[in-house]
C-alpha atoms as a PDB file:
ATOM      1  CA  MET A   1     -16.986 -34.051 -89.225  1.00  0.00           C
ATOM      2  CA  SER A   2     -13.566 -34.401 -90.040  1.00  0.00           C
ATOM      3  CA  LEU A   3     -10.854 -35.685 -87.653  1.00  0.00           C
ATOM      4  CA  TYR A   4      -9.310 -32.273 -87.535  1.00  0.00           C
ATOM      5  CA  GLU A   5     -12.382 -30.648 -86.187  1.00  0.00           C
ATOM      6  CA  LEU A   6     -12.789 -33.420 -83.465  1.00  0.00           C
ATOM      7  CA  ASN A   7      -9.276 -32.768 -82.335  1.00  0.00           C
ATOM      8  CA  LYS A   8      -9.959 -28.994 -82.065  1.00  0.00           C
ATOM      9  CA  ILE A   9     -13.166 -29.698 -80.020  1.00  0.00           C
ATOM     10  CA  ALA A  10     -11.278 -32.253 -77.709  1.00  0.00           C
ATOM     11  CA  GLY A  11      -8.530 -29.763 -77.303  1.00  0.00           C
ATOM     12  CA  ALA A  12     -10.755 -26.988 -76.340  1.00  0.00           C
ATOM     13  CA  VAL A  13     -12.596 -29.136 -73.715  1.00  0.00           C
ATOM     14  CA  LEU A  14      -9.268 -30.378 -72.265  1.00  0.00           C
ATOM     15  CA  PHE A  15      -8.114 -26.712 -72.077  1.00  0.00           C
ATOM     16  CA  ALA A  16     -11.318 -25.544 -70.389  1.00  0.00           C
ATOM     17  CA  LEU A  17     -10.960 -28.373 -67.848  1.00  0.00           C
ATOM     18  CA  LEU A  18      -7.443 -27.422 -67.241  1.00  0.00           C
ATOM     19  CA  VAL A  19      -8.291 -23.775 -66.622  1.00  0.00           C
ATOM     20  CA  LEU A  20     -11.203 -24.803 -64.269  1.00  0.00           C
ATOM     21  CA  PHE A  21      -9.174 -27.085 -62.167  1.00  0.00           C
ATOM     22  CA  GLY A  22      -6.087 -25.061 -62.068  1.00  0.00           C
ATOM     23  CA  THR A  23      -7.845 -21.971 -61.010  1.00  0.00           C
ATOM     24  CA  ARG A  24      -9.707 -23.769 -58.265  1.00  0.00           C
ATOM     25  CA  THR A  25      -6.437 -25.287 -57.142  1.00  0.00           C
ATOM     26  CA  VAL A  26      -4.545 -21.900 -57.020  1.00  0.00           C
ATOM     27  CA  SER A  27      -7.554 -20.313 -55.201  1.00  0.00           C
ATOM     28  CA  ASN A  28      -7.682 -23.019 -52.590  1.00  0.00           C
ATOM     29  CA  ILE A  29      -3.935 -22.548 -51.954  1.00  0.00           C
ATOM     30  CA  ILE A  30      -4.400 -18.786 -51.686  1.00  0.00           C
ATOM     31  CA  PHE A  31      -7.692 -18.616 -49.675  1.00  0.00           C
ATOM     32  CA  THR A  32      -7.641 -21.820 -47.650  1.00  0.00           C
ATOM     33  CA  PRO A  33      -8.734 -20.792 -44.075  1.00  0.00           C
ATOM     34  CA  HIS A  34      -6.371 -21.886 -41.211  1.00  0.00           C
ATOM     35  CA  ALA A  35      -7.955 -22.929 -38.049  1.00  0.00           C
ATOM     36  CA  PRO A  36      -6.511 -21.716 -34.741  1.00  0.00           C
ATOM     37  CA  GLU A  37      -4.377 -23.883 -32.766  1.00  0.00           C
ATOM     38  CA  GLN A  38      -6.559 -23.533 -29.742  1.00  0.00           C
ATOM     39  CA  PRO A  39     -10.287 -22.638 -30.503  1.00  0.00           C
ATOM     40  CA  GLY A  40     -12.069 -20.131 -28.426  1.00  0.00           C
ATOM     41  CA  TYR A  41     -10.994 -16.953 -26.593  1.00  0.00           C
ATOM     42  CA  GLU A  42      -7.893 -16.796 -24.502  1.00  0.00           C
ATOM     43  CA  ILE A  43      -8.867 -15.607 -21.045  1.00  0.00           C
ATOM     44  CA  GLU A  44      -6.215 -14.287 -18.708  1.00  0.00           C
ATOM     45  CA  VAL A  45      -6.105 -16.304 -15.497  1.00  0.00           C
ATOM     46  CA  ALA A  46      -4.055 -15.285 -12.545  1.00  0.00           C
ATOM     47  CA  GLU A  47      -1.448 -17.790 -11.331  1.00  0.00           C
ATOM     48  CA  GLU A  48      -1.444 -18.676  -7.745  1.00  0.00           C
ATOM     49  CA  GLY A  49       1.467 -17.654  -5.532  1.00  0.00           C
ATOM     50  CA  THR A  50       2.480 -14.674  -7.779  1.00  0.00           C
ATOM     51  CA  GLU A  51       3.645 -11.532  -6.123  1.00  0.00           C
ATOM     52  CA  THR A  52       1.518  -8.383  -6.002  1.00  0.00           C
ATOM     53  CA  SER A  53       2.312  -6.041  -8.929  1.00  0.00           C
ATOM     54  CA  ALA A  54       2.852  -2.356  -8.616  1.00  0.00           C
ATOM     55  CA  PRO A  55      -0.703  -1.318  -9.287  1.00  0.00           C
ATOM     56  CA  GLU A  56      -1.994  -3.421  -6.272  1.00  0.00           C
ATOM     57  CA  LYS A  57       0.305  -1.423  -4.043  1.00  0.00           C
ATOM     58  CA  GLU A  58      -1.713   1.736  -4.404  1.00  0.00           C
ATOM     59  CA  ALA A  59      -2.870   3.560  -1.206  1.00  0.00           C
ATOM     60  CA  ALA A  60      -6.078   2.252   0.127  1.00  0.00           C
ATOM     61  CA  VAL A  61      -8.876   4.790  -0.886  1.00  0.00           C
ATOM     62  CA  PRO A  62     -12.562   4.064  -0.139  1.00  0.00           C
ATOM     63  CA  LEU A  63     -14.704   2.848  -3.073  1.00  0.00           C
ATOM     64  CA  ALA A  64     -17.151   5.644  -2.508  1.00  0.00           C
ATOM     65  CA  ASN A  65     -14.344   8.326  -2.985  1.00  0.00           C
ATOM     66  CA  LEU A  66     -12.904   6.519  -6.064  1.00  0.00           C
ATOM     67  CA  LEU A  67     -16.500   6.498  -7.789  1.00  0.00           C
ATOM     68  CA  GLN A  68     -16.904  10.183  -7.263  1.00  0.00           C
ATOM     69  CA  GLN A  69     -13.624  10.679  -9.235  1.00  0.00           C
ATOM     70  CA  ALA A  70     -14.197   7.857 -11.831  1.00  0.00           C
ATOM     71  CA  SER A  71     -14.840   8.422 -15.574  1.00  0.00           C
ATOM     72  CA  VAL A  72     -17.408   6.717 -17.617  1.00  0.00           C
ATOM     73  CA  GLU A  73     -15.214   7.003 -20.844  1.00  0.00           C
ATOM     74  CA  GLN A  74     -12.259   5.347 -19.032  1.00  0.00           C
ATOM     75  CA  GLY A  75     -14.622   2.593 -17.734  1.00  0.00           C
ATOM     76  CA  GLN A  76     -16.031   1.982 -21.354  1.00  0.00           C
ATOM     77  CA  ARG A  77     -12.386   1.457 -22.364  1.00  0.00           C
ATOM     78  CA  ALA A  78     -11.688  -0.873 -19.559  1.00  0.00           C
ATOM     79  CA  ALA A  79     -14.823  -2.849 -20.434  1.00  0.00           C
ATOM     80  CA  ARG A  80     -13.036  -4.069 -23.609  1.00  0.00           C
ATOM     81  CA  LYS A  81     -11.316  -6.615 -21.472  1.00  0.00           C
ATOM     82  CA  CYS A  82     -14.931  -8.112 -20.788  1.00  0.00           C
ATOM     83  CA  ALA A  83     -16.228  -7.865 -24.265  1.00  0.00           C
ATOM     84  CA  ALA A  84     -14.937 -11.451 -25.325  1.00  0.00           C
ATOM     85  CA  CYS A  85     -17.428 -12.970 -22.912  1.00  0.00           C
ATOM     86  CA  HIS A  86     -20.073 -10.313 -22.152  1.00  0.00           C
ATOM     87  CA  THR A  87     -22.336  -7.918 -24.089  1.00  0.00           C
ATOM     88  CA  PHE A  88     -23.425  -4.492 -22.759  1.00  0.00           C
ATOM     89  CA  ASP A  89     -26.356  -3.493 -24.908  1.00  0.00           C
ATOM     90  CA  GLU A  90     -29.974  -3.737 -23.819  1.00  0.00           C
ATOM     91  CA  GLY A  91     -31.415  -7.187 -24.673  1.00  0.00           C
ATOM     92  CA  GLY A  92     -27.990  -8.371 -25.740  1.00  0.00           C
ATOM     93  CA  ALA A  93     -27.390 -12.165 -26.050  1.00  0.00           C
ATOM     94  CA  SER A  94     -25.283 -13.959 -23.410  1.00  0.00           C
ATOM     95  CA  ARG A  95     -21.941 -15.413 -24.465  1.00  0.00           C
ATOM     96  CA  VAL A  96     -19.560 -17.108 -22.202  1.00  0.00           C
ATOM     97  CA  GLY A  97     -20.773 -14.801 -19.598  1.00  0.00           C
ATOM     98  CA  PRO A  98     -24.269 -13.114 -19.211  1.00  0.00           C
ATOM     99  CA  ASN A  99     -25.324  -9.847 -20.527  1.00  0.00           C
ATOM    100  CA  LEU A 100     -24.331  -7.039 -18.326  1.00  0.00           C
ATOM    101  CA  TYR A 101     -26.942  -4.368 -19.099  1.00  0.00           C
ATOM    102  CA  ASN A 102     -28.480  -2.908 -15.991  1.00  0.00           C
ATOM    103  CA  ILE A 103     -26.406  -5.128 -13.722  1.00  0.00           C
ATOM    104  CA  VAL A 104     -25.789  -2.710 -10.879  1.00  0.00           C
ATOM    105  CA  GLY A 105     -28.404  -3.212  -8.226  1.00  0.00           C
ATOM    106  CA  GLN A 106     -29.901  -6.450  -9.765  1.00  0.00           C
ATOM    107  CA  PRO A 107     -30.147  -9.705  -8.030  1.00  0.00           C
ATOM    108  CA  LEU A 108     -27.264 -12.131  -8.665  1.00  0.00           C
ATOM    109  CA  GLY A 109     -28.148 -14.572 -11.399  1.00  0.00           C
ATOM    110  CA  ALA A 110     -30.980 -12.557 -12.689  1.00  0.00           C
ATOM    111  CA  GLU A 111     -30.228 -13.087 -16.468  1.00  0.00           C
ATOM    112  CA  GLN A 112     -32.881 -15.355 -17.847  1.00  0.00           C
ATOM    113  CA  GLY A 113     -31.611 -18.322 -19.778  1.00  0.00           C
ATOM    114  CA  PHE A 114     -28.002 -18.220 -18.623  1.00  0.00           C
ATOM    115  CA  ALA A 115     -26.638 -21.173 -16.635  1.00  0.00           C
ATOM    116  CA  TYR A 116     -24.904 -19.740 -13.633  1.00  0.00           C
ATOM    117  CA  SER A 117     -22.675 -21.491 -11.173  1.00  0.00           C
ATOM    118  CA  GLN A 118     -24.002 -23.085  -8.012  1.00  0.00           C
ATOM    119  CA  ALA A 119     -21.671 -20.810  -5.930  1.00  0.00           C
ATOM    120  CA  LEU A 120     -23.296 -17.612  -7.409  1.00  0.00           C
ATOM    121  CA  LYS A 121     -26.695 -18.967  -6.850  1.00  0.00           C
ATOM    122  CA  ASP A 122     -25.967 -19.861  -3.275  1.00  0.00           C
ATOM    123  CA  LYS A 123     -24.613 -16.369  -2.625  1.00  0.00           C
ATOM    124  CA  GLY A 124     -27.751 -14.479  -3.240  1.00  0.00           C
ATOM    125  CA  GLY A 125     -28.205 -10.935  -2.674  1.00  0.00           C
ATOM    126  CA  ASP A 126     -27.792  -8.000  -5.232  1.00  0.00           C
ATOM    127  CA  TRP A 127     -24.970  -6.696  -7.208  1.00  0.00           C
ATOM    128  CA  ASN A 128     -24.070  -3.619  -5.125  1.00  0.00           C
ATOM    129  CA  TYR A 129     -20.951  -1.574  -5.604  1.00  0.00           C
ATOM    130  CA  GLU A 130     -18.957  -3.352  -2.912  1.00  0.00           C
ATOM    131  CA  ASP A 131     -19.678  -6.835  -4.208  1.00  0.00           C
ATOM    132  CA  LEU A 132     -18.980  -5.744  -7.960  1.00  0.00           C
ATOM    133  CA  ASP A 133     -15.707  -4.288  -6.875  1.00  0.00           C
ATOM    134  CA  HIS A 134     -14.498  -7.417  -4.963  1.00  0.00           C
ATOM    135  CA  PHE A 135     -15.680  -9.760  -7.603  1.00  0.00           C
ATOM    136  CA  ILE A 136     -14.082  -7.766 -10.536  1.00  0.00           C
ATOM    137  CA  GLU A 137     -10.870  -7.630  -8.470  1.00  0.00           C
ATOM    138  CA  ALA A 138     -10.487 -11.379  -8.245  1.00  0.00           C
ATOM    139  CA  PRO A 139     -13.477 -13.395  -9.107  1.00  0.00           C
ATOM    140  CA  ARG A 140     -12.291 -16.921  -7.877  1.00  0.00           C
ATOM    141  CA  ALA A 141     -10.788 -15.447  -4.633  1.00  0.00           C
ATOM    142  CA  TYR A 142     -14.058 -13.631  -3.794  1.00  0.00           C
ATOM    143  CA  LEU A 143     -16.589 -16.327  -4.910  1.00  0.00           C
ATOM    144  CA  PRO A 144     -14.907 -19.821  -4.858  1.00  0.00           C
ATOM    145  CA  GLY A 145     -16.491 -22.093  -7.260  1.00  0.00           C
ATOM    146  CA  THR A 146     -17.525 -19.549  -9.891  1.00  0.00           C
ATOM    147  CA  ARG A 147     -17.035 -20.242 -13.538  1.00  0.00           C
ATOM    148  CA  MET A 148     -15.771 -16.927 -14.442  1.00  0.00           C
ATOM    149  CA  ALA A 149     -12.051 -17.679 -15.573  1.00  0.00           C
ATOM    150  CA  PHE A 150     -10.826 -14.177 -15.470  1.00  0.00           C
ATOM    151  CA  ALA A 151      -7.690 -12.854 -13.648  1.00  0.00           C
ATOM    152  CA  GLY A 152      -9.366  -9.838 -12.347  1.00  0.00           C
ATOM    153  CA  ILE A 153      -8.534  -6.098 -12.496  1.00  0.00           C
ATOM    154  CA  ARG A 154      -5.995  -5.105  -9.833  1.00  0.00           C
ATOM    155  CA  ARG A 155      -6.068  -1.335 -10.159  1.00  0.00           C
ATOM    156  CA  PRO A 156      -8.626   0.186  -7.845  1.00  0.00           C
ATOM    157  CA  THR A 157      -9.064   3.216 -10.142  1.00  0.00           C
ATOM    158  CA  GLU A 158      -9.749   1.095 -13.220  1.00  0.00           C
ATOM    159  CA  ARG A 159     -12.339  -0.978 -11.276  1.00  0.00           C
ATOM    160  CA  ALA A 160     -14.076   2.214 -10.185  1.00  0.00           C
ATOM    161  CA  ASP A 161     -14.151   3.386 -13.768  1.00  0.00           C
ATOM    162  CA  LEU A 162     -15.638   0.130 -14.969  1.00  0.00           C
ATOM    163  CA  ILE A 163     -18.235   0.044 -12.229  1.00  0.00           C
ATOM    164  CA  LEU A 164     -19.288   3.683 -13.153  1.00  0.00           C
ATOM    165  CA  TYR A 165     -19.659   2.534 -16.635  1.00  0.00           C
ATOM    166  CA  LEU A 166     -21.827  -0.316 -15.818  1.00  0.00           C
ATOM    167  CA  ARG A 167     -23.822   1.980 -13.647  1.00  0.00           C
ATOM    168  CA  SER A 168     -24.489   4.306 -16.698  1.00  0.00           C
ATOM    169  CA  LEU A 169     -25.979   1.216 -18.559  1.00  0.00           C
ATOM    170  CA  SER A 170     -29.317   1.530 -16.800  1.00  0.00           C
ATOM    171  CA  PRO A 171     -32.565   3.701 -17.326  1.00  0.00           C
ATOM    172  CA  SER A 172     -32.435   4.542 -13.648  1.00  0.00           C
ATOM    173  CA  PRO A 173     -28.885   4.348 -12.345  1.00  0.00           C
ATOM    174  CA  VAL A 174     -28.387   3.427  -8.617  1.00  0.00           C
ATOM    175  CA  ALA A 175     -27.318   6.315  -6.398  1.00  0.00           C
ATOM    176  CA  LEU A 176     -23.656   6.535  -5.651  1.00  0.00           C
ATOM    177  CA  PRO A 177     -22.583   6.090  -2.012  1.00  0.00           C
ATOM    178  CA  GLU A 178     -21.618   9.016   0.012  1.00  0.00           C
ATOM    179  CA  PRO A 179     -17.821   9.733   0.087  1.00  0.00           C
ATOM    180  CA  GLU A 180     -15.927   9.135   3.270  1.00  0.00           C
ATOM    181  CA  PRO A 181     -13.789  11.679   4.919  1.00  0.00           C
ATOM    182  CA  GLU A 182     -10.214  11.153   3.808  1.00  0.00           C
ATOM    183  CA  PRO A 183      -7.643  10.671   6.524  1.00  0.00           C
ATOM    184  CA  GLU A 184      -5.053  13.419   7.337  1.00  0.00           C
ATOM    185  CA  PRO A 185      -1.780  13.183   5.394  1.00  0.00           C
ATOM    186  CA  ALA A 186       0.785  11.068   7.440  1.00  0.00           C
ATOM    187  CA  THR A 187       3.402  13.903   6.790  1.00  0.00           C
ATOM    188  CA  ALA A 188       1.596  16.293   9.152  1.00  0.00           C
ATOM    189  CA  GLU A 189       1.446  13.614  11.944  1.00  0.00           C
ATOM    190  CA  THR A 190       5.110  12.829  11.393  1.00  0.00           C
ATOM    191  CA  GLY A 191       5.908  16.634  11.668  1.00  0.00           C
ATOM    192  CA  GLU A 192       4.187  17.008  14.883  1.00  0.00           C
ATOM    193  CA  THR A 193       5.924  14.164  16.345  1.00  0.00           C
ATOM    194  CA  ALA A 194       9.180  15.408  15.232  1.00  0.00           C
ATOM    195  CA  ASP A 195       8.448  18.849  16.736  1.00  0.00           C
ATOM    196  CA  GLY A 196       7.485  17.263  19.996  1.00  0.00           C
ATOM    197  CA  ALA A 197      10.493  15.101  20.046  1.00  0.00           C
ATOM    198  CA  GLY A 198      12.651  18.190  19.369  1.00  0.00           C
ATOM    199  CA  SER A 199      11.124  20.183  22.293  1.00  0.00           C
ATOM    200  CA  ASP A 200      11.690  17.223  24.568  1.00  0.00           C
ATOM    201  CA  SER A 201      15.286  16.901  23.585  1.00  0.00           C
ATOM    202  CA  ALA A 202      15.768  20.664  24.074  1.00  0.00           C
ATOM    203  CA  ALA A 203      14.239  20.391  27.558  1.00  0.00           C
ATOM    204  CA  ALA A 204      16.480  17.489  28.373  1.00  0.00           C
ATOM    205  CA  GLU A 205      19.551  19.383  27.196  1.00  0.00           C
ATOM    206  CA  GLY A 206      18.526  22.426  29.306  1.00  0.00           C
ATOM    207  CA  ALA A 207      18.125  20.154  32.269  1.00  0.00           C
ATOM    208  CA  ASP A 208      21.607  18.746  31.727  1.00  0.00           C
ATOM    209  CA  GLN A 209      23.246  22.216  31.596  1.00  0.00           C
ATOM    210  CA  LYS A 210      21.757  23.318  34.911  1.00  0.00           C
ATOM    211  CA  PRO A 211      24.169  22.840  37.754  1.00  0.00           C
ATOM    212  CA  ALA A 212      23.057  20.270  40.324  1.00  0.00           C
ATOM    213  CA  ALA A 213      21.927  21.579  43.802  1.00  0.00           C
ATOM    214  CA  GLY A 214      24.776  19.965  45.642  1.00  0.00           C
ATOM    215  CA  ASP A 215      27.379  21.428  43.358  1.00  0.00           C
ATOM    216  CA  GLY A 216      27.003  25.044  44.643  1.00  0.00           C
ATOM    217  CA  ALA A 217      27.154  23.891  48.194  1.00  0.00           C
ATOM    218  CA  ASP A 218      30.260  21.866  47.522  1.00  0.00           C
ATOM    219  CA  GLN A 219      31.860  24.792  45.901  1.00  0.00           C
ATOM    220  CA  LYS A 220      31.001  27.098  48.681  1.00  0.00           C
ATOM    221  CA  SER A 221      32.252  24.792  51.297  1.00  0.00           C
ATOM    222  CA  THR A 222      35.604  24.394  49.513  1.00  0.00           C
ATOM    223  CA  SER A 223      36.027  28.261  49.140  1.00  0.00           C
ATOM    224  CA  GLY A 224      37.718  30.194  51.808  1.00  0.00           C
ATOM    225  CA  ASP A 225      34.495  32.098  52.469  1.00  0.00           C
ATOM    226  CA  GLY A 226      32.577  29.089  53.588  1.00  0.00           C
ATOM    227  CA  GLY A 227      34.077  29.171  57.007  1.00  0.00           C
ATOM    228  CA  GLU A 228      35.982  25.940  56.859  1.00  0.00           C
ATOM    229  CA  ALA A 229      39.375  26.045  58.530  1.00  0.00           C
ATOM    230  CA  GLN A 230      42.129  26.394  56.044  1.00  0.00           C
ATOM    231  CA  PRO A 231      45.260  24.358  56.697  1.00  0.00           C
ATOM    232  CA  ALA A 232      47.886  26.127  58.722  1.00  0.00           C
ATOM    233  CA  GLN A 233      50.949  27.264  56.826  1.00  0.00           C
ATOM    234  CA  SER A 234      54.541  27.217  58.096  1.00  0.00           C
ATOM    235  CA  ASP A 235      56.898  30.174  57.789  1.00  0.00           C
ATOM    236  CA  ALA A 236      58.073  28.901  54.601  1.00  0.00           C
ATOM    237  CA  GLY A 237      54.586  29.293  53.267  1.00  0.00           C
ATOM    238  CA  GLU A 238      53.891  25.576  52.831  1.00  0.00           C
ATOM    239  CA  PRO A 239      50.953  24.044  54.371  1.00  0.00           C
ATOM    240  CA  GLN A 240      51.529  21.827  57.397  1.00  0.00           C
ATOM    241  CA  SER A 241      49.993  18.472  58.011  1.00  0.00           C
ATOM    242  CA  GLY A 242      47.396  18.040  60.731  1.00  0.00           C
ATOM    243  CA  ALA A 243      49.660  15.993  63.023  1.00  0.00           C
ATOM    244  CA  ALA A 244      52.452  18.731  62.967  1.00  0.00           C
ATOM    245  CA  GLN A 245      49.874  21.561  63.571  1.00  0.00           C
ATOM    246  CA  ALA A 246      48.398  19.568  66.611  1.00  0.00           C
ATOM    247  CA  ALA A 247      51.857  19.171  68.006  1.00  0.00           C
ATOM    248  CA  GLU A 248      52.488  22.840  67.857  1.00  0.00           C
ATOM    249  CA  ASN A 249      49.230  23.751  69.363  1.00  0.00           C
ATOM    250  CA  ALA A 250      49.968  21.289  72.224  1.00  0.00           C
ATOM    251  CA  GLU A 251      53.317  22.911  72.807  1.00  0.00           C
ATOM    252  CA  ALA A 252      51.996  26.301  72.673  1.00  0.00           C
ATOM    253  CA  GLY A 253      49.308  25.524  75.151  1.00  0.00           C
ATOM    254  CA  ALA A 254      51.771  23.905  77.632  1.00  0.00           C
ATOM    255  CA  GLY A 255      53.930  27.068  77.696  1.00  0.00           C
ATOM    256  CA  ASP A 256      51.114  29.393  78.323  1.00  0.00           C
ATOM    257  CA  GLN A 257      49.582  27.465  81.284  1.00  0.00           C
ATOM    258  CA  PRO A 258      51.225  27.624  84.766  1.00  0.00           C
ATOM    259  CA  ASP A 259      52.910  24.558  86.181  1.00  0.00           C
ATOM    260  CA  GLN A 260      50.307  22.896  88.411  1.00  0.00           C
ATOM    261  CA  SER A 261      52.848  20.486  90.043  1.00  0.00           C
ATOM    262  CA  GLU A 262      54.394  23.276  92.281  1.00  0.00           C
ATOM    263  CA  PRO A 263      52.233  24.589  95.210  1.00  0.00           C
ATOM    264  CA  PRO A 264      51.415  28.296  95.116  1.00  0.00           C
ATOM    265  CA  ALA A 265      53.582  30.565  97.097  1.00  0.00           C
ATOM    266  CA  GLN A 266      52.265  31.451 100.542  1.00  0.00           C
ATOM    267  CA  GLN A 267      51.560  35.047 101.162  1.00  0.00           C
END
């Protein structure tokens, strides 16, 4: 074999190695997986001391009434917030949290093979509608010591949708509670109160407009027909004072009476 042929063989081998390592290097650069900065799922946790948001300020409606108006489809959408830690299919595996199939009406901590918190074990009882509603709203506030690191769902209507969806995941769903009678609108009571206040004010105004009982007597006594003596008037038409009138009356009386100092004439 000549030297020329050996050089060709060596060049082909080197070229093949160059292509092999070059391709692998380029593919590693392109397809290298990047690990997340923080492994695991990010679970939203409520901060302590935060103010109540707008959905929390909704008017209080009984849970039984909300369940009557809830939607399974909307609840299935709301369950996406829980899909990172829970499964919902029958026989599904537990993740960070237990499987939630047929959870409504079941005893607390009933999922086999899942390590529940001691706080949940000590509570006991069944997952009824009220407990589920309070737990989903604020897990750590309702059950201190729970391992469920979830901020909760503040909107009551969204919680009702989610609970109705969980109820549907059962071969024999638990009966819904009877709805409670809704209170009368506050506007009607306000209107009645306003009407009553208006009638009271009108009666008070009518009472103020009526003359007092003493006013008529005073007006009659001051009039000329009331019998009260009017002040005497002089010839000039001006009223005289009481002292001057008394003096005149005394003089007139003295002139009309006979003089008692002289003895009567003898017949």
